Amino acid sequence: MTQIRRKISYTTLFLLFFSLILPSLPQVAFPQSKPERFPKGVANIPLPKLIDFGAGTCIPCKKMAPILAELTEEYKGRVVIKIIEVYQERELTRVNGIRLIPTQIFFDAKNQEVFRHVGFMDKEQIKKVFEKMGVK
């Protein structure tokens, strides 16, 4: 019984430590407007961008594919939407600091990262981010 209590207290201390320390650590800085953060030719387009990092074997990524296809048509000429296959574009994935998939990174027209989301993102959530970015 004592060992169980000891394990619980160590676990509690561990979680408490990281919940207090991690938020105060500096966030990893990514090169903001570097062309190497984008697929070829995308950095030169003067429009807001959504880059989705995923994989064909990832279930949430598969669920997002038709949503991104719809949004590509709906926002044609106003936003650039690209899907990156992380296992094929390893360097691009590394440069953008992708740790989990799917990850969506939103950039403004000047190639500055304005929002990042990890996990499945539905159509309405994406539209809200576009709206906050000033895309109509």
Protein backbone atom coordinates (compact mmCIF):
# COMPACT_ATOMS: atom_id res chain seq x y z
CA MET A 1 0.00 0.00 0.00
CA THR A 2 2.85 2.35 0.81
CA GLN A 3 4.41 1.76 -2.61
CA ILE A 4 1.12 2.66 -4.33
CA ARG A 5 0.85 5.88 -2.33
CA ARG A 6 4.47 6.70 -3.11
CA LYS A 7 3.87 6.14 -6.84
CA ILE A 8 0.76 8.29 -6.75
CA SER A 9 2.57 11.08 -4.94
CA TYR A 10 5.51 10.94 -7.37
CA THR A 11 3.12 11.03 -10.30
CA THR A 12 1.25 13.97 -8.77
CA LEU A 13 4.51 15.85 -8.15
CA PHE A 14 5.69 15.11 -11.68
CA LEU A 15 2.45 16.39 -13.23
CA LEU A 16 2.39 19.44 -10.98
CA PHE A 17 6.00 20.27 -11.84
CA PHE A 18 5.37 20.10 -15.58
CA SER A 19 2.08 21.97 -15.39
CA LEU A 20 3.87 24.84 -13.64
CA ILE A 21 7.17 24.82 -15.53
CA LEU A 22 6.19 24.04 -19.13
CA PRO A 23 3.98 27.08 -19.72
CA SER A 24 6.85 29.35 -18.63
CA LEU A 25 9.37 27.81 -21.00
CA PRO A 26 9.94 29.78 -24.17
CA GLN A 27 8.04 28.47 -27.16
CA VAL A 28 10.10 27.13 -30.02
CA ALA A 29 10.59 29.88 -32.52
CA PHE A 30 10.14 28.98 -36.14
CA PRO A 31 11.63 31.06 -38.92
CA GLN A 32 8.66 33.27 -39.69
CA SER A 33 8.72 34.20 -43.33
CA LYS A 34 11.38 31.85 -44.65
CA PRO A 35 10.53 30.23 -48.00
CA GLU A 36 11.70 26.84 -46.72
CA ARG A 37 8.59 26.69 -44.51
CA PHE A 38 6.39 26.32 -47.61
CA PRO A 39 6.04 23.90 -50.51
CA LYS A 40 7.74 25.10 -53.69
CA GLY A 41 6.19 28.22 -55.17
CA VAL A 42 3.72 28.81 -52.32
CA ALA A 43 5.83 31.40 -50.46
CA ASN A 44 5.65 33.74 -53.48
CA ILE A 45 1.84 33.83 -53.59
CA PRO A 46 0.59 37.02 -51.85
CA LEU A 47 -2.44 35.36 -50.23
CA PRO A 48 -3.16 33.91 -46.78
CA LYS A 49 -2.22 30.25 -46.55
CA LEU A 50 -3.33 27.11 -44.77
CA ILE A 51 -0.78 24.32 -44.75
CA ASP A 52 -2.12 21.00 -43.45
CA PHE A 53 0.46 18.41 -42.38
CA GLY A 54 -0.84 14.86 -42.32
CA ALA A 55 -0.50 11.33 -43.66
CA GLY A 56 -2.62 9.04 -45.79
CA THR A 57 -2.63 6.46 -43.00
CA CYS A 58 -3.96 8.90 -40.37
CA ILE A 59 -7.72 8.64 -39.79
CA PRO A 60 -8.28 12.31 -38.76
CA CYS A 61 -6.18 13.33 -41.78
CA LYS A 62 -8.41 11.24 -44.07
CA LYS A 63 -11.50 12.88 -42.55
CA MET A 64 -10.04 16.33 -43.19
CA ALA A 65 -9.14 15.71 -46.85
CA PRO A 66 -12.68 16.27 -48.27
CA ILE A 67 -13.15 19.32 -46.02
CA LEU A 68 -9.92 20.86 -47.30
CA ALA A 69 -10.92 20.06 -50.89
CA GLU A 70 -14.25 21.88 -50.39
CA LEU A 71 -12.53 24.86 -48.79
CA THR A 72 -9.99 24.99 -51.62
CA GLU A 73 -12.84 25.50 -54.09
CA GLU A 74 -14.82 27.82 -51.82
CA TYR A 75 -11.85 30.11 -51.11
CA LYS A 76 -10.23 29.90 -54.53
CA GLY A 77 -8.29 33.08 -55.27
CA ARG A 78 -8.52 34.23 -51.64
CA VAL A 79 -6.57 31.56 -49.72
CA VAL A 80 -3.94 28.99 -50.66
CA ILE A 81 -4.62 25.58 -49.09
CA LYS A 82 -1.96 22.87 -49.34
CA ILE A 83 -1.85 19.38 -47.88
CA ILE A 84 1.60 18.07 -47.00
CA GLU A 85 2.27 14.35 -46.69
CA VAL A 86 4.70 14.28 -43.76
CA TYR A 87 6.42 11.05 -44.79
CA GLN A 88 7.20 12.42 -48.25
CA GLU A 89 8.13 15.97 -47.18
CA ARG A 90 10.31 15.24 -44.16
CA GLU A 91 12.41 18.41 -44.35
CA LEU A 92 9.36 20.66 -44.66
CA THR A 93 7.81 18.82 -41.72
CA ARG A 94 10.96 19.25 -39.64
CA VAL A 95 11.40 22.95 -40.43
CA ASN A 96 7.82 23.64 -39.35
CA GLY A 97 8.25 21.76 -36.07
CA ILE A 98 5.50 19.24 -36.69
CA ARG A 99 5.27 16.70 -33.86
CA LEU A 100 1.72 15.37 -34.24
CA ILE A 101 -0.61 15.00 -37.19
CA PRO A 102 -2.77 16.43 -38.44
CA THR A 103 -1.39 19.91 -37.79
CA GLN A 104 -2.76 22.98 -39.54
CA ILE A 105 -0.66 26.13 -39.79
CA PHE A 106 -2.29 29.37 -40.92
CA PHE A 107 -0.12 32.10 -42.45
CA ASP A 108 -1.06 35.65 -43.40
CA ALA A 109 -0.30 37.11 -46.85
CA LYS A 110 3.17 38.16 -45.62
CA ASN A 111 3.98 34.54 -44.69
CA GLN A 112 3.81 35.17 -40.94
CA GLU A 113 2.37 32.31 -38.89
CA VAL A 114 -0.83 33.51 -37.23
CA PHE A 115 -2.39 30.31 -35.89
CA ARG A 116 -1.51 26.66 -35.36
CA HIS A 117 -3.86 23.80 -34.53
CA VAL A 118 -3.10 20.15 -33.81
CA GLY A 119 -5.73 17.49 -34.44
CA PHE A 120 -8.90 17.26 -36.50
CA MET A 121 -10.33 20.65 -37.43
CA ASP A 122 -13.81 20.86 -38.90
CA LYS A 123 -14.92 23.18 -41.67
CA GLU A 124 -16.54 25.74 -39.37
CA GLN A 125 -13.44 26.02 -37.18
CA ILE A 126 -11.27 26.64 -40.23
CA LYS A 127 -13.71 29.25 -41.55
CA LYS A 128 -13.60 31.03 -38.18
CA VAL A 129 -9.80 31.24 -38.37
CA PHE A 130 -10.03 32.59 -41.92
CA GLU A 131 -12.56 35.16 -40.71
CA LYS A 132 -10.21 36.24 -37.89
CA MET A 133 -7.47 36.60 -40.52
CA GLY A 134 -9.70 38.96 -42.49
CA VAL A 135 -10.52 36.55 -45.32
CA LYS A 136 -14.04 37.05 -46.65
